[in-house]
Amino acid sequence: NQAGQFGDMSADTGLPRMTALATYADVALGKSRVFGLKQDGTVDYWGLEIASMPSGYLTPGEQSIHGVNNVSQISAGPNHGCGVSGANVYCWGDNSCNQLGGVAGLISPIPVKIL
């Protein structure tokens, strides 16, 4: 829970515990962020802020991934996320190893169409 992945900034005890994430249809866990797929096909995230210079930690419902809707599936890498919308795949976040398919820059908070 170093980046608030549990949805709060409580101490990490190393033990399983209940979280207040029942409003999400699915969640995908990365190293420093969690992505939550909402019933309406939009995606929230929390943990480390996605920005060119991350400056803080977010809680569930505080920030959404803008630029992709009608998401049916999500997944997460260590510092990036991806979602399926229709027949297309979009990814956002860290691009240090070309996770976003060649888009310029090291971080993109805006989803990039991969397929």
PDB file of N, CA and C in Angstrom:
ATOM      1  N   ASN A   1       0.820  -1.198   0.000  1.00  0.00           N
ATOM      2  CA  ASN A   1       0.000   0.000   0.000  1.00  0.00           C
ATOM      3  C   ASN A   1       0.866   1.266   0.000  1.00  0.00           C
ATOM      4  N   GLN A   2       2.089   1.169  -0.471  1.00  0.00           N
ATOM      5  CA  GLN A   2       2.982   2.331  -0.475  1.00  0.00           C
ATOM      6  C   GLN A   2       2.424   3.495  -1.288  1.00  0.00           C
ATOM      7  N   ALA A   3       1.641   3.220  -2.330  1.00  0.00           N
ATOM      8  CA  ALA A   3       1.078   4.279  -3.170  1.00  0.00           C
ATOM      9  C   ALA A   3      -0.436   4.378  -3.010  1.00  0.00           C
ATOM     10  N   GLY A   4      -0.992   3.779  -1.968  1.00  0.00           N
ATOM     11  CA  GLY A   4      -2.429   3.854  -1.731  1.00  0.00           C
ATOM     12  C   GLY A   4      -3.233   2.883  -2.574  1.00  0.00           C
ATOM     13  N   GLN A   5      -2.631   1.770  -2.980  1.00  0.00           N
ATOM     14  CA  GLN A   5      -3.328   0.817  -3.831  1.00  0.00           C
ATOM     15  C   GLN A   5      -4.545   0.179  -3.162  1.00  0.00           C
ATOM     16  N   PHE A   6      -4.588   0.178  -1.837  1.00  0.00           N
ATOM     17  CA  PHE A   6      -5.764  -0.347  -1.134  1.00  0.00           C
ATOM     18  C   PHE A   6      -6.936   0.616  -1.182  1.00  0.00           C
ATOM     19  N   GLY A   7      -6.692   1.802  -1.705  1.00  0.00           N
ATOM     20  CA  GLY A   7      -7.754   2.806  -1.754  1.00  0.00           C
ATOM     21  C   GLY A   7      -7.693   3.790  -0.609  1.00  0.00           C
ATOM     22  N   ASP A   8      -6.673   3.675   0.208  1.00  0.00           N
ATOM     23  CA  ASP A   8      -6.456   4.616   1.304  1.00  0.00           C
ATOM     24  C   ASP A   8      -4.948   4.653   1.572  1.00  0.00           C
ATOM     25  N   MET A   9      -4.536   5.427   2.493  1.00  0.00           N
ATOM     26  CA  MET A   9      -3.107   5.516   2.795  1.00  0.00           C
ATOM     27  C   MET A   9      -2.770   4.845   4.130  1.00  0.00           C
ATOM     28  N   SER A  10      -3.523   3.788   4.455  1.00  0.00           N
ATOM     29  CA  SER A  10      -3.249   3.076   5.701  1.00  0.00           C
ATOM     30  C   SER A  10      -1.949   2.286   5.581  1.00  0.00           C
ATOM     31  N   ALA A  11      -1.416   1.908   6.721  1.00  0.00           N
ATOM     32  CA  ALA A  11      -0.177   1.143   6.748  1.00  0.00           C
ATOM     33  C   ALA A  11      -0.390  -0.234   6.125  1.00  0.00           C
ATOM     34  N   ASP A  12       0.610  -0.698   5.410  1.00  0.00           N
ATOM     35  CA  ASP A  12       0.573  -2.026   4.802  1.00  0.00           C
ATOM     36  C   ASP A  12       0.985  -3.041   5.851  1.00  0.00           C
ATOM     37  N   THR A  13       0.072  -3.920   6.208  1.00  0.00           N
ATOM     38  CA  THR A  13       0.355  -4.926   7.234  1.00  0.00           C
ATOM     39  C   THR A  13       0.868  -6.229   6.634  1.00  0.00           C
ATOM     40  N   GLY A  14       0.754  -6.386   5.311  1.00  0.00           N
ATOM     41  CA  GLY A  14       1.157  -7.635   4.676  1.00  0.00           C
ATOM     42  C   GLY A  14       0.091  -8.717   4.770  1.00  0.00           C
ATOM     43  N   LEU A  15      -1.053  -8.387   5.348  1.00  0.00           N
ATOM     44  CA  LEU A  15      -2.137  -9.350   5.521  1.00  0.00           C
ATOM     45  C   LEU A  15      -3.319  -8.979   4.634  1.00  0.00           C
ATOM     46  N   PRO A  16      -4.093  -9.958   4.159  1.00  0.00           N
ATOM     47  CA  PRO A  16      -5.292  -9.647   3.374  1.00  0.00           C
ATOM     48  C   PRO A  16      -6.273  -8.838   4.217  1.00  0.00           C
ATOM     49  N   ARG A  17      -7.023  -7.978   3.548  1.00  0.00           N
ATOM     50  CA  ARG A  17      -8.045  -7.218   4.265  1.00  0.00           C
ATOM     51  C   ARG A  17      -9.139  -6.793   3.301  1.00  0.00           C
ATOM     52  N   MET A  18     -10.291  -6.463   3.849  1.00  0.00           N
ATOM     53  CA  MET A  18     -11.441  -6.025   3.076  1.00  0.00           C
ATOM     54  C   MET A  18     -11.211  -4.602   2.583  1.00  0.00           C
ATOM     55  N   THR A  19     -11.601  -4.345   1.322  1.00  0.00           N
ATOM     56  CA  THR A  19     -11.535  -2.983   0.792  1.00  0.00           C
ATOM     57  C   THR A  19     -12.933  -2.562   0.363  1.00  0.00           C
ATOM     58  N   ALA A  20     -13.113  -1.275   0.122  1.00  0.00           N
ATOM     59  CA  ALA A  20     -14.418  -0.737  -0.262  1.00  0.00           C
ATOM     60  C   ALA A  20     -14.493  -0.571  -1.774  1.00  0.00           C
ATOM     61  N   LEU A  21     -14.258  -1.641  -2.533  1.00  0.00           N
ATOM     62  CA  LEU A  21     -14.204  -1.554  -3.988  1.00  0.00           C
ATOM     63  C   LEU A  21     -15.334  -2.310  -4.670  1.00  0.00           C
ATOM     64  N   ALA A  22     -16.412  -2.581  -3.952  1.00  0.00           N
ATOM     65  CA  ALA A  22     -17.519  -3.369  -4.494  1.00  0.00           C
ATOM     66  C   ALA A  22     -18.245  -2.675  -5.638  1.00  0.00           C
ATOM     67  N   THR A  23     -18.053  -1.375  -5.820  1.00  0.00           N
ATOM     68  CA  THR A  23     -18.742  -0.655  -6.887  1.00  0.00           C
ATOM     69  C   THR A  23     -18.111  -0.898  -8.260  1.00  0.00           C
ATOM     70  N   TYR A  24     -16.985  -1.591  -8.315  1.00  0.00           N
ATOM     71  CA  TYR A  24     -16.295  -1.852  -9.581  1.00  0.00           C
ATOM     72  C   TYR A  24     -16.608  -3.258 -10.091  1.00  0.00           C
ATOM     73  N   ALA A  25     -16.844  -3.347 -11.408  1.00  0.00           N
ATOM     74  CA  ALA A  25     -17.124  -4.638 -12.029  1.00  0.00           C
ATOM     75  C   ALA A  25     -15.868  -5.499 -12.085  1.00  0.00           C
ATOM     76  N   ASP A  26     -14.699  -4.847 -12.179  1.00  0.00           N
ATOM     77  CA  ASP A  26     -13.424  -5.555 -12.251  1.00  0.00           C
ATOM     78  C   ASP A  26     -12.335  -4.591 -11.801  1.00  0.00           C
ATOM     79  N   VAL A  27     -11.235  -5.127 -11.318  1.00  0.00           N
ATOM     80  CA  VAL A  27     -10.065  -4.325 -10.991  1.00  0.00           C
ATOM     81  C   VAL A  27      -8.833  -5.000 -11.562  1.00  0.00           C
ATOM     82  N   ALA A  28      -7.845  -4.176 -11.926  1.00  0.00           N
ATOM     83  CA  ALA A  28      -6.560  -4.673 -12.414  1.00  0.00           C
ATOM     84  C   ALA A  28      -5.477  -4.002 -11.585  1.00  0.00           C
ATOM     85  N   LEU A  29      -4.581  -4.798 -11.039  1.00  0.00           N
ATOM     86  CA  LEU A  29      -3.578  -4.287 -10.118  1.00  0.00           C
ATOM     87  C   LEU A  29      -2.212  -4.215 -10.772  1.00  0.00           C
ATOM     88  N   GLY A  30      -1.629  -3.016 -10.750  1.00  0.00           N
ATOM     89  CA  GLY A  30      -0.259  -2.815 -11.191  1.00  0.00           C
ATOM     90  C   GLY A  30       0.638  -2.642  -9.981  1.00  0.00           C
ATOM     91  N   LYS A  31       1.849  -2.221 -10.226  1.00  0.00           N
ATOM     92  CA  LYS A  31       2.803  -2.028  -9.129  1.00  0.00           C
ATOM     93  C   LYS A  31       2.437  -0.834  -8.257  1.00  0.00           C
ATOM     94  N   SER A  32       2.088   0.279  -8.884  1.00  0.00           N
ATOM     95  CA  SER A  32       1.837   1.504  -8.131  1.00  0.00           C
ATOM     96  C   SER A  32       0.448   2.089  -8.359  1.00  0.00           C
ATOM     97  N   ARG A  33      -0.386   1.392  -9.157  1.00  0.00           N
ATOM     98  CA  ARG A  33      -1.737   1.870  -9.449  1.00  0.00           C
ATOM     99  C   ARG A  33      -2.701   0.691  -9.529  1.00  0.00           C
ATOM    100  N   VAL A  34      -3.959   0.994  -9.265  1.00  0.00           N
ATOM    101  CA  VAL A  34      -5.044   0.037  -9.468  1.00  0.00           C
ATOM    102  C   VAL A  34      -6.041   0.700 -10.410  1.00  0.00           C
ATOM    103  N   PHE A  35      -6.524  -0.060 -11.386  1.00  0.00           N
ATOM    104  CA  PHE A  35      -7.533   0.429 -12.324  1.00  0.00           C
ATOM    105  C   PHE A  35      -8.830  -0.294 -12.018  1.00  0.00           C
ATOM    106  N   GLY A  36      -9.922   0.473 -11.928  1.00  0.00           N
ATOM    107  CA  GLY A  36     -11.225  -0.093 -11.628  1.00  0.00           C
ATOM    108  C   GLY A  36     -12.186   0.127 -12.782  1.00  0.00           C
ATOM    109  N   LEU A  37     -12.752  -0.954 -13.304  1.00  0.00           N
ATOM    110  CA  LEU A  37     -13.733  -0.883 -14.387  1.00  0.00           C
ATOM    111  C   LEU A  37     -15.114  -0.717 -13.767  1.00  0.00           C
ATOM    112  N   LYS A  38     -15.758   0.399 -14.083  1.00  0.00           N
ATOM    113  CA  LYS A  38     -17.079   0.679 -13.545  1.00  0.00           C
ATOM    114  C   LYS A  38     -18.159   0.010 -14.401  1.00  0.00           C
ATOM    115  N   GLN A  39     -19.343  -0.144 -13.845  1.00  0.00           N
ATOM    116  CA  GLN A  39     -20.461  -0.779 -14.548  1.00  0.00           C
ATOM    117  C   GLN A  39     -20.806  -0.066 -15.848  1.00  0.00           C
ATOM    118  N   ASP A  40     -20.550   1.247 -15.928  1.00  0.00           N
ATOM    119  CA  ASP A  40     -20.896   2.010 -17.129  1.00  0.00           C
ATOM    120  C   ASP A  40     -19.817   1.964 -18.218  1.00  0.00           C
ATOM    121  N   GLY A  41     -18.754   1.162 -18.021  1.00  0.00           N
ATOM    122  CA  GLY A  41     -17.716   1.008 -19.033  1.00  0.00           C
ATOM    123  C   GLY A  41     -16.625   2.063 -18.983  1.00  0.00           C
ATOM    124  N   THR A  42     -16.595   2.869 -17.922  1.00  0.00           N
ATOM    125  CA  THR A  42     -15.506   3.821 -17.742  1.00  0.00           C
ATOM    126  C   THR A  42     -14.511   3.258 -16.729  1.00  0.00           C
ATOM    127  N   VAL A  43     -13.323   3.855 -16.681  1.00  0.00           N
ATOM    128  CA  VAL A  43     -12.255   3.327 -15.839  1.00  0.00           C
ATOM    129  C   VAL A  43     -11.774   4.407 -14.870  1.00  0.00           C
ATOM    130  N   ASP A  44     -11.753   4.069 -13.589  1.00  0.00           N
ATOM    131  CA  ASP A  44     -11.143   4.907 -12.556  1.00  0.00           C
ATOM    132  C   ASP A  44      -9.761   4.345 -12.245  1.00  0.00           C
ATOM    133  N   TYR A  45      -8.925   5.153 -11.607  1.00  0.00           N
ATOM    134  CA  TYR A  45      -7.677   4.613 -11.085  1.00  0.00           C
ATOM    135  C   TYR A  45      -7.320   5.294  -9.780  1.00  0.00           C
ATOM    136  N   TRP A  46      -6.480   4.639  -9.003  1.00  0.00           N
ATOM    137  CA  TRP A  46      -5.998   5.195  -7.751  1.00  0.00           C
ATOM    138  C   TRP A  46      -4.618   4.637  -7.481  1.00  0.00           C
ATOM    139  N   GLY A  47      -3.983   5.210  -6.478  1.00  0.00           N
ATOM    140  CA  GLY A  47      -2.573   4.932  -6.216  1.00  0.00           C
ATOM    141  C   GLY A  47      -1.762   6.112  -6.731  1.00  0.00           C
ATOM    142  N   LEU A  48      -0.615   5.841  -7.350  1.00  0.00           N
ATOM    143  CA  LEU A  48       0.249   6.905  -7.852  1.00  0.00           C
ATOM    144  C   LEU A  48      -0.400   7.615  -9.029  1.00  0.00           C
ATOM    145  N   GLU A  49      -0.419   8.932  -8.975  1.00  0.00           N
ATOM    146  CA  GLU A  49      -0.998   9.759 -10.035  1.00  0.00           C
ATOM    147  C   GLU A  49      -0.282   9.501 -11.363  1.00  0.00           C
ATOM    148  N   ILE A  50      -1.046   9.440 -12.475  1.00  0.00           N
ATOM    149  CA  ILE A  50      -0.460   9.322 -13.808  1.00  0.00           C
ATOM    150  C   ILE A  50      -0.241  10.724 -14.345  1.00  0.00           C
ATOM    151  N   ALA A  51       0.998  11.124 -14.446  1.00  0.00           N
ATOM    152  CA  ALA A  51       1.361  12.445 -14.963  1.00  0.00           C
ATOM    153  C   ALA A  51       2.831  12.401 -15.353  1.00  0.00           C
ATOM    154  N   SER A  52       3.268  13.375 -16.128  1.00  0.00           N
ATOM    155  CA  SER A  52       4.672  13.396 -16.519  1.00  0.00           C
ATOM    156  C   SER A  52       5.576  13.509 -15.291  1.00  0.00           C
ATOM    157  N   MET A  53       5.098  14.177 -14.262  1.00  0.00           N
ATOM    158  CA  MET A  53       5.819  14.281 -12.990  1.00  0.00           C
ATOM    159  C   MET A  53       4.822  13.950 -11.878  1.00  0.00           C
ATOM    160  N   PRO A  54       4.608  12.655 -11.566  1.00  0.00           N
ATOM    161  CA  PRO A  54       3.636  12.310 -10.529  1.00  0.00           C
ATOM    162  C   PRO A  54       3.936  13.031  -9.227  1.00  0.00           C
ATOM    163  N   SER A  55       2.897  13.615  -8.653  1.00  0.00           N
ATOM    164  CA  SER A  55       3.123  14.399  -7.444  1.00  0.00           C
ATOM    165  C   SER A  55       2.300  13.935  -6.256  1.00  0.00           C
ATOM    166  N   GLY A  56       1.443  12.960  -6.455  1.00  0.00           N
ATOM    167  CA  GLY A  56       0.619  12.573  -5.323  1.00  0.00           C
ATOM    168  C   GLY A  56      -0.062  11.239  -5.528  1.00  0.00           C
ATOM    169  N   TYR A  57      -0.838  10.875  -4.534  1.00  0.00           N
ATOM    170  CA  TYR A  57      -1.562   9.620  -4.532  1.00  0.00           C
ATOM    171  C   TYR A  57      -3.055   9.916  -4.552  1.00  0.00           C
ATOM    172  N   LEU A  58      -3.795   9.088  -5.266  1.00  0.00           N
ATOM    173  CA  LEU A  58      -5.230   9.268  -5.433  1.00  0.00           C
ATOM    174  C   LEU A  58      -5.989   8.139  -4.760  1.00  0.00           C
ATOM    175  N   THR A  59      -7.240   8.401  -4.396  1.00  0.00           N
ATOM    176  CA  THR A  59      -8.108   7.390  -3.824  1.00  0.00           C
ATOM    177  C   THR A  59      -9.169   7.002  -4.853  1.00  0.00           C
ATOM    178  N   PRO A  60      -9.858   5.851  -4.687  1.00  0.00           N
ATOM    179  CA  PRO A  60     -10.876   5.432  -5.656  1.00  0.00           C
ATOM    180  C   PRO A  60     -11.933   6.506  -5.868  1.00  0.00           C
ATOM    181  N   GLY A  61     -12.313   6.707  -7.128  1.00  0.00           N
ATOM    182  CA  GLY A  61     -13.329   7.678  -7.489  1.00  0.00           C
ATOM    183  C   GLY A  61     -12.798   9.090  -7.655  1.00  0.00           C
ATOM    184  N   GLU A  62     -11.533   9.311  -7.325  1.00  0.00           N
ATOM    185  CA  GLU A  62     -10.950  10.646  -7.402  1.00  0.00           C
ATOM    186  C   GLU A  62     -10.483  10.994  -8.815  1.00  0.00           C
ATOM    187  N   GLN A  63     -10.107  10.000  -9.614  1.00  0.00           N
ATOM    188  CA  GLN A  63      -9.593  10.260 -10.956  1.00  0.00           C
ATOM    189  C   GLN A  63     -10.043   9.160 -11.911  1.00  0.00           C
ATOM    190  N   SER A  64     -10.363   9.548 -13.140  1.00  0.00           N
ATOM    191  CA  SER A  64     -10.770   8.605 -14.176  1.00  0.00           C
ATOM    192  C   SER A  64      -9.797   8.661 -15.341  1.00  0.00           C
ATOM    193  N   ILE A  65      -9.793   7.600 -16.127  1.00  0.00           N
ATOM    194  CA  ILE A  65      -9.048   7.579 -17.382  1.00  0.00           C
ATOM    195  C   ILE A  65      -9.979   8.192 -18.419  1.00  0.00           C
ATOM    196  N   HIS A  66      -9.600   9.328 -18.980  1.00  0.00           N
ATOM    197  CA  HIS A  66     -10.419  10.025 -19.963  1.00  0.00           C
ATOM    198  C   HIS A  66      -9.942   9.691 -21.366  1.00  0.00           C
ATOM    199  N   GLY A  67     -10.876   9.534 -22.301  1.00  0.00           N
ATOM    200  CA  GLY A  67     -10.510   9.304 -23.693  1.00  0.00           C
ATOM    201  C   GLY A  67     -10.865   7.926 -24.207  1.00  0.00           C
ATOM    202  N   VAL A  68     -11.460   7.088 -23.373  1.00  0.00           N
ATOM    203  CA  VAL A  68     -11.944   5.778 -23.822  1.00  0.00           C
ATOM    204  C   VAL A  68     -13.196   5.447 -23.001  1.00  0.00           C
ATOM    205  N   ASN A  69     -14.221   4.945 -23.698  1.00  0.00           N
ATOM    206  CA  ASN A  69     -15.488   4.578 -23.061  1.00  0.00           C
ATOM    207  C   ASN A  69     -15.880   3.175 -23.496  1.00  0.00           C
ATOM    208  N   ASN A  70     -16.943   2.667 -22.919  1.00  0.00           N
ATOM    209  CA  ASN A  70     -17.470   1.348 -23.256  1.00  0.00           C
ATOM    210  C   ASN A  70     -16.402   0.267 -23.130  1.00  0.00           C
ATOM    211  N   VAL A  71     -15.598   0.363 -22.082  1.00  0.00           N
ATOM    212  CA  VAL A  71     -14.550  -0.619 -21.829  1.00  0.00           C
ATOM    213  C   VAL A  71     -15.195  -1.885 -21.272  1.00  0.00           C
ATOM    214  N   SER A  72     -14.793  -3.033 -21.822  1.00  0.00           N
ATOM    215  CA  SER A  72     -15.360  -4.303 -21.366  1.00  0.00           C
ATOM    216  C   SER A  72     -14.364  -5.130 -20.557  1.00  0.00           C
ATOM    217  N   GLN A  73     -13.063  -4.874 -20.730  1.00  0.00           N
ATOM    218  CA  GLN A  73     -12.027  -5.601 -20.002  1.00  0.00           C
ATOM    219  C   GLN A  73     -10.868  -4.657 -19.712  1.00  0.00           C
ATOM    220  N   ILE A  74     -10.200  -4.872 -18.583  1.00  0.00           N
ATOM    221  CA  ILE A  74      -9.015  -4.084 -18.253  1.00  0.00           C
ATOM    222  C   ILE A  74      -7.892  -5.008 -17.816  1.00  0.00           C
ATOM    223  N   SER A  75      -6.671  -4.512 -17.935  1.00  0.00           N
ATOM    224  CA  SER A  75      -5.507  -5.211 -17.405  1.00  0.00           C
ATOM    225  C   SER A  75      -4.485  -4.163 -16.998  1.00  0.00           C
ATOM    226  N   ALA A  76      -3.499  -4.585 -16.225  1.00  0.00           N
ATOM    227  CA  ALA A  76      -2.476  -3.652 -15.760  1.00  0.00           C
ATOM    228  C   ALA A  76      -1.108  -4.295 -15.834  1.00  0.00           C
ATOM    229  N   GLY A  77      -0.139  -3.506 -16.275  1.00  0.00           N
ATOM    230  CA  GLY A  77       1.263  -3.878 -16.167  1.00  0.00           C
ATOM    231  C   GLY A  77       1.803  -3.205 -14.918  1.00  0.00           C
ATOM    232  N   PRO A  78       3.113  -3.243 -14.720  1.00  0.00           N
ATOM    233  CA  PRO A  78       3.666  -2.626 -13.521  1.00  0.00           C
ATOM    234  C   PRO A  78       3.263  -1.154 -13.360  1.00  0.00           C
ATOM    235  N   ASN A  79       3.329  -0.369 -14.434  1.00  0.00           N
ATOM    236  CA  ASN A  79       3.028   1.062 -14.345  1.00  0.00           C
ATOM    237  C   ASN A  79       2.181   1.564 -15.506  1.00  0.00           C
ATOM    238  N   HIS A  80       1.434   0.688 -16.127  1.00  0.00           N
ATOM    239  CA  HIS A  80       0.521   1.095 -17.200  1.00  0.00           C
ATOM    240  C   HIS A  80      -0.724   0.230 -17.143  1.00  0.00           C
ATOM    241  N   GLY A  81      -1.765   0.685 -17.836  1.00  0.00           N
ATOM    242  CA  GLY A  81      -3.003  -0.067 -17.902  1.00  0.00           C
ATOM    243  C   GLY A  81      -3.472  -0.159 -19.329  1.00  0.00           C
ATOM    244  N   CYS A  82      -4.339  -1.127 -19.599  1.00  0.00           N
ATOM    245  CA  CYS A  82      -4.928  -1.301 -20.926  1.00  0.00           C
ATOM    246  C   CYS A  82      -6.397  -1.662 -20.761  1.00  0.00           C
ATOM    247  N   GLY A  83      -7.177  -1.321 -21.775  1.00  0.00           N
ATOM    248  CA  GLY A  83      -8.587  -1.654 -21.774  1.00  0.00           C
ATOM    249  C   GLY A  83      -9.069  -1.990 -23.164  1.00  0.00           C
ATOM    250  N   VAL A  84     -10.037  -2.891 -23.251  1.00  0.00           N
ATOM    251  CA  VAL A  84     -10.659  -3.272 -24.512  1.00  0.00           C
ATOM    252  C   VAL A  84     -11.965  -2.511 -24.640  1.00  0.00           C
ATOM    253  N   SER A  85     -12.129  -1.827 -25.775  1.00  0.00           N
ATOM    254  CA  SER A  85     -13.363  -1.105 -26.075  1.00  0.00           C
ATOM    255  C   SER A  85     -13.773  -1.487 -27.481  1.00  0.00           C
ATOM    256  N   GLY A  86     -14.863  -2.241 -27.607  1.00  0.00           N
ATOM    257  CA  GLY A  86     -15.258  -2.764 -28.916  1.00  0.00           C
ATOM    258  C   GLY A  86     -14.192  -3.719 -29.409  1.00  0.00           C
ATOM    259  N   ALA A  87     -13.698  -3.492 -30.630  1.00  0.00           N
ATOM    260  CA  ALA A  87     -12.636  -4.324 -31.199  1.00  0.00           C
ATOM    261  C   ALA A  87     -11.267  -3.689 -31.022  1.00  0.00           C
ATOM    262  N   ASN A  88     -11.176  -2.638 -30.195  1.00  0.00           N
ATOM    263  CA  ASN A  88      -9.934  -1.889 -30.040  1.00  0.00           C
ATOM    264  C   ASN A  88      -9.330  -2.064 -28.653  1.00  0.00           C
ATOM    265  N   VAL A  89      -8.000  -1.960 -28.596  1.00  0.00           N
ATOM    266  CA  VAL A  89      -7.263  -1.999 -27.336  1.00  0.00           C
ATOM    267  C   VAL A  89      -6.601  -0.638 -27.140  1.00  0.00           C
ATOM    268  N   TYR A  90      -6.766  -0.068 -25.948  1.00  0.00           N
ATOM    269  CA  TYR A  90      -6.170   1.209 -25.588  1.00  0.00           C
ATOM    270  C   TYR A  90      -5.279   0.994 -24.372  1.00  0.00           C
ATOM    271  N   CYS A  91      -4.139   1.692 -24.346  1.00  0.00           N
ATOM    272  CA  CYS A  91      -3.257   1.621 -23.184  1.00  0.00           C
ATOM    273  C   CYS A  91      -2.855   3.027 -22.764  1.00  0.00           C
ATOM    274  N   TRP A  92      -2.493   3.193 -21.491  1.00  0.00           N
ATOM    275  CA  TRP A  92      -2.125   4.488 -20.930  1.00  0.00           C
ATOM    276  C   TRP A  92      -1.114   4.264 -19.823  1.00  0.00           C
ATOM    277  N   GLY A  93      -0.425   5.324 -19.443  1.00  0.00           N
ATOM    278  CA  GLY A  93       0.537   5.251 -18.350  1.00  0.00           C
ATOM    279  C   GLY A  93       1.965   5.228 -18.842  1.00  0.00           C
ATOM    280  N   ASP A  94       2.798   4.402 -18.217  1.00  0.00           N
ATOM    281  CA  ASP A  94       4.225   4.329 -18.505  1.00  0.00           C
ATOM    282  C   ASP A  94       4.481   3.826 -19.925  1.00  0.00           C
ATOM    283  N   ASN A  95       5.391   4.476 -20.624  1.00  0.00           N
ATOM    284  CA  ASN A  95       5.758   4.093 -21.981  1.00  0.00           C
ATOM    285  C   ASN A  95       7.267   3.896 -22.109  1.00  0.00           C
ATOM    286  N   SER A  96       7.967   3.681 -20.998  1.00  0.00           N
ATOM    287  CA  SER A  96       9.425   3.592 -21.023  1.00  0.00           C
ATOM    288  C   SER A  96       9.938   2.396 -21.815  1.00  0.00           C
ATOM    289  N   CYS A  97       9.121   1.372 -21.993  1.00  0.00           N
ATOM    290  CA  CYS A  97       9.517   0.192 -22.776  1.00  0.00           C
ATOM    291  C   CYS A  97       8.594  -0.007 -23.971  1.00  0.00           C
ATOM    292  N   ASN A  98       8.026   1.086 -24.489  1.00  0.00           N
ATOM    293  CA  ASN A  98       7.153   1.066 -25.667  1.00  0.00           C
ATOM    294  C   ASN A  98       5.836   0.329 -25.422  1.00  0.00           C
ATOM    295  N   GLN A  99       5.336   0.348 -24.179  1.00  0.00           N
ATOM    296  CA  GLN A  99       4.070  -0.308 -23.858  1.00  0.00           C
ATOM    297  C   GLN A  99       2.893   0.312 -24.612  1.00  0.00           C
ATOM    298  N   LEU A 100       3.045   1.576 -25.021  1.00  0.00           N
ATOM    299  CA  LEU A 100       1.948   2.285 -25.667  1.00  0.00           C
ATOM    300  C   LEU A 100       2.077   2.284 -27.183  1.00  0.00           C
ATOM    301  N   GLY A 101       2.867   1.385 -27.712  1.00  0.00           N
ATOM    302  CA  GLY A 101       2.914   1.183 -29.152  1.00  0.00           C
ATOM    303  C   GLY A 101       3.623   2.255 -29.949  1.00  0.00           C
ATOM    304  N   GLY A 102       4.627   2.887 -29.396  1.00  0.00           N
ATOM    305  CA  GLY A 102       5.430   3.814 -30.165  1.00  0.00           C
ATOM    306  C   GLY A 102       5.060   5.274 -30.038  1.00  0.00           C
ATOM    307  N   VAL A 103       4.052   5.610 -29.250  1.00  0.00           N
ATOM    308  CA  VAL A 103       3.709   7.020 -29.037  1.00  0.00           C
ATOM    309  C   VAL A 103       4.880   7.709 -28.349  1.00  0.00           C
ATOM    310  N   ALA A 104       5.117   8.959 -28.688  1.00  0.00           N
ATOM    311  CA  ALA A 104       6.230   9.703 -28.091  1.00  0.00           C
ATOM    312  C   ALA A 104       5.981   9.996 -26.624  1.00  0.00           C
ATOM    313  N   GLY A 105       7.048  10.090 -25.849  1.00  0.00           N
ATOM    314  CA  GLY A 105       6.945  10.439 -24.433  1.00  0.00           C
ATOM    315  C   GLY A 105       7.048   9.231 -23.537  1.00  0.00           C
ATOM    316  N   LEU A 106       7.394   9.479 -22.297  1.00  0.00           N
ATOM    317  CA  LEU A 106       7.570   8.392 -21.344  1.00  0.00           C
ATOM    318  C   LEU A 106       6.309   8.040 -20.587  1.00  0.00           C
ATOM    319  N   ILE A 107       5.353   8.975 -20.505  1.00  0.00           N
ATOM    320  CA  ILE A 107       4.105   8.731 -19.783  1.00  0.00           C
ATOM    321  C   ILE A 107       2.960   9.375 -20.554  1.00  0.00           C
ATOM    322  N   SER A 108       1.843   8.665 -20.688  1.00  0.00           N
ATOM    323  CA  SER A 108       0.659   9.245 -21.295  1.00  0.00           C
ATOM    324  C   SER A 108      -0.553   8.966 -20.417  1.00  0.00           C
ATOM    325  N   PRO A 109      -1.144  10.004 -19.830  1.00  0.00           N
ATOM    326  CA  PRO A 109      -2.360   9.804 -19.048  1.00  0.00           C
ATOM    327  C   PRO A 109      -3.578   9.617 -19.960  1.00  0.00           C
ATOM    328  N   ILE A 110      -3.422   9.894 -21.249  1.00  0.00           N
ATOM    329  CA  ILE A 110      -4.503   9.739 -22.222  1.00  0.00           C
ATOM    330  C   ILE A 110      -4.360   8.381 -22.903  1.00  0.00           C
ATOM    331  N   PRO A 111      -5.431   7.594 -23.005  1.00  0.00           N
ATOM    332  CA  PRO A 111      -5.352   6.296 -23.670  1.00  0.00           C
ATOM    333  C   PRO A 111      -4.903   6.427 -25.125  1.00  0.00           C
ATOM    334  N   VAL A 112      -4.029   5.507 -25.524  1.00  0.00           N
ATOM    335  CA  VAL A 112      -3.510   5.441 -26.890  1.00  0.00           C
ATOM    336  C   VAL A 112      -4.053   4.182 -27.535  1.00  0.00           C
ATOM    337  N   LYS A 113      -4.645   4.308 -28.720  1.00  0.00           N
ATOM    338  CA  LYS A 113      -5.180   3.147 -29.423  1.00  0.00           C
ATOM    339  C   LYS A 113      -4.026   2.294 -29.923  1.00  0.00           C
ATOM    340  N   ILE A 114      -3.961   1.048 -29.460  1.00  0.00           N
ATOM    341  CA  ILE A 114      -2.892   0.119 -29.825  1.00  0.00           C
ATOM    342  C   ILE A 114      -3.338  -0.763 -30.982  1.00  0.00           C
ATOM    343  N   LEU A 115      -4.524  -1.320 -30.890  1.00  0.00           N
ATOM    344  CA  LEU A 115      -5.084  -2.196 -31.934  1.00  0.00           C
ATOM    345  C   LEU A 115      -6.480  -1.741 -32.288  1.00  0.00           C
TER     346      LEU A 115
END
